[in-house]
């Protein structure tokens, strides 16, 4: 397969579950799309089947998840799905959903990755529009000593340092040259994380309503409430997130370096790159 050409799915595939934050049932269908379509969410539960393009300029919120909005319609918690698209180098896909949030599935992106891989990938007859990083792009949060940057690199690499004051977690670091193989083995199984004492407050805000110990790793002051997939699962999930957030600017060729970055910083960087590249 010539990965310099655009790629879509070879066949449609579907998954039914609940949204991580909304807790609402959702049926999602991933469908092949023509060249230059990009990743487009389609709300099948709305009369006009409203479309929302997964683009950096459409990001309107980063509260505990990444939200895109277009035509008066919001789709939130898209980062895990977008991360799988990025890892598999899928350029074009329709994501049909009958709710405003994709299913949480495994709380990571392994379910989505395997779903797409099982459907198969089809090469299309037009070159892909890869975002080749030719200079340094960087976004800082000086108040919290956080940053995320991307610099030129022949491939796609992510180096991430997470900083958590909790004694159980502390500082974690991972560094991956992201290929479909390394992604599936080392990144895709890493689930989202929650501190037990924060869960009630989040639910009062209408967040985390679909979270369970099957799809979220939970910790308290005594330890982990469920088994980990990796000793450093937190930082691996942070890498999963930044891959998904940056996919909003398009498929990137570059080296991402981040320290304690967040959805807010990740999507600001995506917007900065998009503006500079005229995307």
Protein backbone atom coordinates (compact mmCIF):
# COMPACT_ATOMS: atom_id res chain seq x y z
CA UNK A 1 0.00 0.00 0.00
CA UNK A 2 1.38 3.41 -0.97
CA UNK A 3 0.90 5.46 2.16
CA UNK A 4 1.58 8.66 0.23
CA UNK A 5 -1.92 8.40 -1.22
CA UNK A 6 -5.07 9.15 0.74
CA UNK A 7 -6.69 6.29 2.65
CA UNK A 8 -10.26 5.52 3.66
CA UNK A 9 -11.92 2.42 5.07
CA UNK A 10 -12.49 -0.52 2.74
CA UNK A 11 -15.92 -1.19 4.27
CA UNK A 12 -18.23 0.31 6.85
CA UNK A 13 -18.14 -0.85 10.45
CA UNK A 14 -20.14 -0.01 13.57
CA UNK A 15 -20.07 0.05 17.35
CA UNK A 16 -22.77 0.65 19.97
CA UNK A 17 -22.09 1.84 23.52
CA UNK A 18 -22.45 4.83 25.83
CA UNK A 19 -20.71 8.19 25.87
CA UNK A 20 -18.01 8.72 28.51
CA UNK A 21 -19.36 12.04 29.74
CA UNK A 22 -23.00 12.04 28.60
CA UNK A 23 -23.69 8.45 29.64
CA UNK A 24 -26.10 8.31 26.70
CA UNK A 25 -26.54 5.35 24.37
CA UNK A 26 -24.95 5.90 20.98
CA UNK A 27 -24.74 3.88 17.79
CA UNK A 28 -21.72 4.81 15.67
CA UNK A 29 -21.11 3.79 12.07
CA UNK A 30 -17.76 4.44 10.37
CA UNK A 31 -18.14 4.71 6.58
CA UNK A 32 -15.71 5.08 3.68
CA UNK A 33 -15.55 8.62 2.28
CA UNK A 34 -14.31 10.14 -1.00
CA UNK A 35 -10.93 11.83 -1.37
CA UNK A 36 -10.48 15.19 0.35
CA UNK A 37 -13.46 14.59 2.66
CA UNK A 38 -11.43 14.48 5.88
CA UNK A 39 -12.99 13.14 9.05
CA UNK A 40 -16.62 14.24 9.21
CA UNK A 41 -19.11 13.54 12.01
CA UNK A 42 -22.72 13.15 10.89
CA UNK A 43 -25.59 13.43 13.40
CA UNK A 44 -28.10 10.88 12.16
CA UNK A 45 -30.53 11.73 14.97
CA UNK A 46 -31.06 15.27 13.70
CA UNK A 47 -33.50 16.09 10.89
CA UNK A 48 -30.90 17.50 8.51
CA UNK A 49 -28.14 15.00 9.37
CA UNK A 50 -25.91 17.87 10.42
CA UNK A 51 -22.22 17.49 9.55
CA UNK A 52 -19.36 18.58 11.79
CA UNK A 53 -15.86 18.55 10.32
CA UNK A 54 -13.11 17.41 12.67
CA UNK A 55 -10.90 20.46 12.15
CA UNK A 56 -8.83 22.54 14.54
CA UNK A 57 -10.78 25.72 13.79
CA UNK A 58 -14.00 24.00 14.89
CA UNK A 59 -12.77 23.34 18.45
CA UNK A 60 -14.98 25.25 20.90
CA UNK A 61 -14.30 23.56 24.25
CA UNK A 62 -11.57 21.53 25.93
CA UNK A 63 -13.20 20.91 29.32
CA UNK A 64 -12.11 17.33 30.20
CA UNK A 65 -12.41 16.45 26.48
CA UNK A 66 -12.14 17.97 23.02
CA UNK A 67 -15.31 19.39 21.47
CA UNK A 68 -15.84 20.47 17.87
CA UNK A 69 -18.82 22.51 16.73
CA UNK A 70 -20.22 23.45 13.32
CA UNK A 71 -23.63 24.40 11.97
CA UNK A 72 -24.89 24.87 15.55
CA UNK A 73 -24.07 21.26 16.43
CA UNK A 74 -21.49 19.99 18.95
CA UNK A 75 -19.61 16.70 19.03
CA UNK A 76 -17.51 16.09 22.12
CA UNK A 77 -14.91 13.62 23.41
CA UNK A 78 -13.61 12.95 19.93
CA UNK A 79 -9.91 12.61 20.84
CA UNK A 80 -9.75 8.82 21.28
CA UNK A 81 -11.41 8.17 17.92
CA UNK A 82 -9.26 10.82 16.20
CA UNK A 83 -6.16 9.24 17.70
CA UNK A 84 -6.96 5.90 16.06
CA UNK A 85 -7.54 7.66 12.71
CA UNK A 86 -4.13 9.32 13.03
CA UNK A 87 -2.34 6.09 13.94
CA UNK A 88 -3.84 4.18 11.01
CA UNK A 89 -3.22 7.12 8.65
CA UNK A 90 -6.87 7.29 7.64
CA UNK A 91 -7.57 10.51 5.76
CA UNK A 92 -11.26 10.24 4.91
CA UNK A 93 -14.17 8.83 6.90
CA UNK A 94 -17.78 9.58 7.76
CA UNK A 95 -18.58 9.02 11.44
CA UNK A 96 -22.34 8.65 11.71
CA UNK A 97 -23.74 8.91 15.25
CA UNK A 98 -27.20 9.17 16.78
CA UNK A 99 -25.92 11.17 19.76
CA UNK A 100 -23.50 14.01 20.48
CA UNK A 101 -20.63 11.86 21.81
CA UNK A 102 -18.85 8.76 20.47
CA UNK A 103 -19.01 5.63 22.62
CA UNK A 104 -16.40 5.38 25.36
CA UNK A 105 -15.78 1.73 24.43
CA UNK A 106 -12.65 0.60 26.33
CA UNK A 107 -11.81 4.11 27.59
CA UNK A 108 -8.84 4.13 25.26
CA UNK A 109 -8.63 3.67 21.48
CA UNK A 110 -7.85 -0.02 21.06
CA UNK A 111 -11.50 -0.86 20.29
CA UNK A 112 -11.62 1.83 17.60
CA UNK A 113 -8.23 0.87 16.17
CA UNK A 114 -9.20 -2.80 15.85
CA UNK A 115 -12.61 -1.88 14.44
CA UNK A 116 -11.01 0.17 11.67
CA UNK A 117 -8.30 -2.38 10.99
CA UNK A 118 -10.87 -5.18 10.72
CA UNK A 119 -12.89 -3.12 8.23
CA UNK A 120 -9.74 -2.79 6.13
CA UNK A 121 -8.02 0.19 4.57
CA UNK A 122 -8.40 1.27 0.96
CA UNK A 123 -5.89 3.37 -0.91
CA UNK A 124 -7.41 6.20 -2.93
CA UNK A 125 -6.16 7.73 -6.15
CA UNK A 126 -5.07 11.11 -4.85
CA UNK A 127 -1.98 12.12 -2.83
CA UNK A 128 -2.54 12.68 0.88
CA UNK A 129 -2.10 16.18 2.24
CA UNK A 130 0.35 15.46 5.04
CA UNK A 131 1.25 18.30 7.40
CA UNK A 132 5.04 18.32 7.15
CA UNK A 133 6.42 20.35 10.05
CA UNK A 134 9.18 22.59 8.70
CA UNK A 135 9.75 24.82 11.76
CA UNK A 136 9.15 24.80 15.49
CA UNK A 137 5.61 25.42 16.70
CA UNK A 138 5.09 25.80 20.45
CA UNK A 139 2.35 26.72 22.94
CA UNK A 140 3.08 27.42 26.62
CA UNK A 141 1.09 27.74 29.81
CA UNK A 142 3.64 29.58 31.93
CA UNK A 143 1.42 29.68 35.01
CA UNK A 144 1.40 25.89 35.25
CA UNK A 145 4.81 25.20 33.65
CA UNK A 146 3.20 23.29 30.79
CA UNK A 147 4.00 23.29 27.10
CA UNK A 148 3.57 21.37 23.89
CA UNK A 149 5.66 21.80 20.77
CA UNK A 150 6.34 20.11 17.47
CA UNK A 151 9.52 20.25 15.42
CA UNK A 152 10.71 18.80 12.12
CA UNK A 153 11.19 15.03 12.05
CA UNK A 154 11.15 12.41 9.33
CA UNK A 155 8.27 10.38 10.75
CA UNK A 156 5.87 10.88 13.63
CA UNK A 157 7.23 10.78 17.18
CA UNK A 158 5.72 11.82 20.51
CA UNK A 159 7.73 12.47 23.68
CA UNK A 160 5.58 13.27 26.71
CA UNK A 161 6.31 14.03 30.36
CA UNK A 162 3.29 13.97 32.67
CA UNK A 163 3.49 15.62 36.07
CA UNK A 164 1.01 14.58 38.77
CA UNK A 165 1.45 15.70 42.40
CA UNK A 166 -0.14 12.52 43.72
CA UNK A 167 2.47 10.23 45.34
CA UNK A 168 1.04 7.23 43.49
CA UNK A 169 1.79 8.73 40.07
CA UNK A 170 4.38 11.51 40.19
CA UNK A 171 6.41 12.14 37.03
CA UNK A 172 6.04 9.74 34.11
CA UNK A 173 7.81 9.88 30.74
CA UNK A 174 7.37 7.97 27.50
CA UNK A 175 8.69 8.41 23.99
CA UNK A 176 7.37 6.59 20.91
CA UNK A 177 8.03 6.61 17.21
CA UNK A 178 4.37 6.19 16.29
CA UNK A 179 3.62 3.50 13.73
CA UNK A 180 0.42 1.43 13.54
CA UNK A 181 2.29 -1.42 15.24
CA UNK A 182 3.77 0.56 18.15
CA UNK A 183 0.52 2.46 18.57
CA UNK A 184 -1.58 -0.68 18.96
CA UNK A 185 0.83 -2.33 21.35
CA UNK A 186 2.04 0.58 23.49
CA UNK A 187 -0.52 3.40 23.27
CA UNK A 188 -3.99 2.23 22.17
CA UNK A 189 -4.74 0.16 25.34
CA UNK A 190 -4.02 3.11 27.69
CA UNK A 191 -7.28 4.23 29.31
CA UNK A 192 -8.45 7.57 30.61
CA UNK A 193 -7.89 8.23 34.32
CA UNK A 194 -9.88 9.61 37.25
CA UNK A 195 -9.19 10.50 40.89
CA UNK A 196 -11.92 8.91 43.01
CA UNK A 197 -12.47 12.02 45.14
CA UNK A 198 -13.22 14.08 41.99
CA UNK A 199 -15.80 11.75 40.46
CA UNK A 200 -18.84 13.04 42.36
CA UNK A 201 -18.02 16.66 41.51
CA UNK A 202 -17.56 15.75 37.84
CA UNK A 203 -20.91 14.00 37.73
CA UNK A 204 -22.63 17.03 39.25
CA UNK A 205 -21.18 18.95 36.30
CA UNK A 206 -22.70 16.39 33.93
CA UNK A 207 -19.33 14.79 33.19
CA UNK A 208 -18.11 11.21 33.45
CA UNK A 209 -21.64 9.77 33.52
CA UNK A 210 -20.63 6.84 31.32
CA UNK A 211 -17.41 6.09 33.16
CA UNK A 212 -16.95 2.74 34.95
CA UNK A 213 -13.99 0.78 36.26
CA UNK A 214 -14.17 -1.14 32.97
CA UNK A 215 -13.26 1.91 30.89
CA UNK A 216 -11.55 4.28 33.35
CA UNK A 217 -8.58 3.67 35.63
CA UNK A 218 -9.46 5.06 39.05
CA UNK A 219 -7.13 5.86 41.94
CA UNK A 220 -7.46 7.22 45.46
CA UNK A 221 -5.01 7.98 48.25
CA UNK A 222 -4.52 4.28 48.96
CA UNK A 223 -3.91 2.98 45.45
CA UNK A 224 -5.52 1.88 42.19
CA UNK A 225 -9.09 0.57 42.24
CA UNK A 226 -8.58 -1.55 39.13
CA UNK A 227 -5.60 -3.27 37.46
CA UNK A 228 -3.39 -1.22 35.15
CA UNK A 229 -2.53 -2.17 31.59
CA UNK A 230 0.85 -0.44 32.03
CA UNK A 231 2.73 0.87 35.08
CA UNK A 232 2.78 4.26 33.35
CA UNK A 233 -0.69 4.09 31.80
CA UNK A 234 -1.38 7.75 32.58
CA UNK A 235 1.38 9.17 30.37
CA UNK A 236 0.57 6.71 27.60
CA UNK A 237 -3.03 7.94 27.62
CA UNK A 238 -1.75 11.52 27.48
CA UNK A 239 0.16 10.53 24.34
CA UNK A 240 -3.00 8.95 22.93
CA UNK A 241 -4.82 12.24 23.56
CA UNK A 242 -2.21 14.52 21.99
CA UNK A 243 -2.13 12.30 18.89
CA UNK A 244 -5.91 12.66 18.60
CA UNK A 245 -5.99 16.39 19.25
CA UNK A 246 -3.27 17.14 16.72
CA UNK A 247 -5.06 15.05 14.07
CA UNK A 248 -7.48 17.97 13.92
CA UNK A 249 -4.93 19.84 11.80
CA UNK A 250 -4.38 16.80 9.60
CA UNK A 251 -1.91 13.91 9.45
CA UNK A 252 1.33 15.29 10.91
CA UNK A 253 4.92 14.48 10.10
CA UNK A 254 7.02 15.81 12.98
CA UNK A 255 8.23 15.27 16.55
CA UNK A 256 5.80 16.29 19.29
CA UNK A 257 7.35 17.14 22.67
CA UNK A 258 5.07 17.90 25.61
CA UNK A 259 5.29 18.49 29.34
CA UNK A 260 2.02 18.21 31.29
CA UNK A 261 0.06 19.27 28.23
CA UNK A 262 -3.73 19.30 28.08
CA UNK A 263 -6.53 19.30 25.52
CA UNK A 264 -6.47 23.10 25.69
CA UNK A 265 -2.77 23.35 24.82
CA UNK A 266 -2.91 20.54 22.27
CA UNK A 267 -5.74 22.15 20.32
CA UNK A 268 -4.13 25.60 20.54
CA UNK A 269 -1.08 24.07 18.91
CA UNK A 270 -3.26 22.46 16.25
CA UNK A 271 -4.85 25.84 15.51
CA UNK A 272 -1.44 27.52 15.37
CA UNK A 273 -0.18 24.97 12.83
CA UNK A 274 -3.40 25.17 10.80
CA UNK A 275 -3.14 28.96 10.56
CA UNK A 276 0.52 28.86 9.56
CA UNK A 277 -0.05 26.14 6.97
CA UNK A 278 -3.22 27.73 5.59
CA UNK A 279 -5.17 24.61 6.48
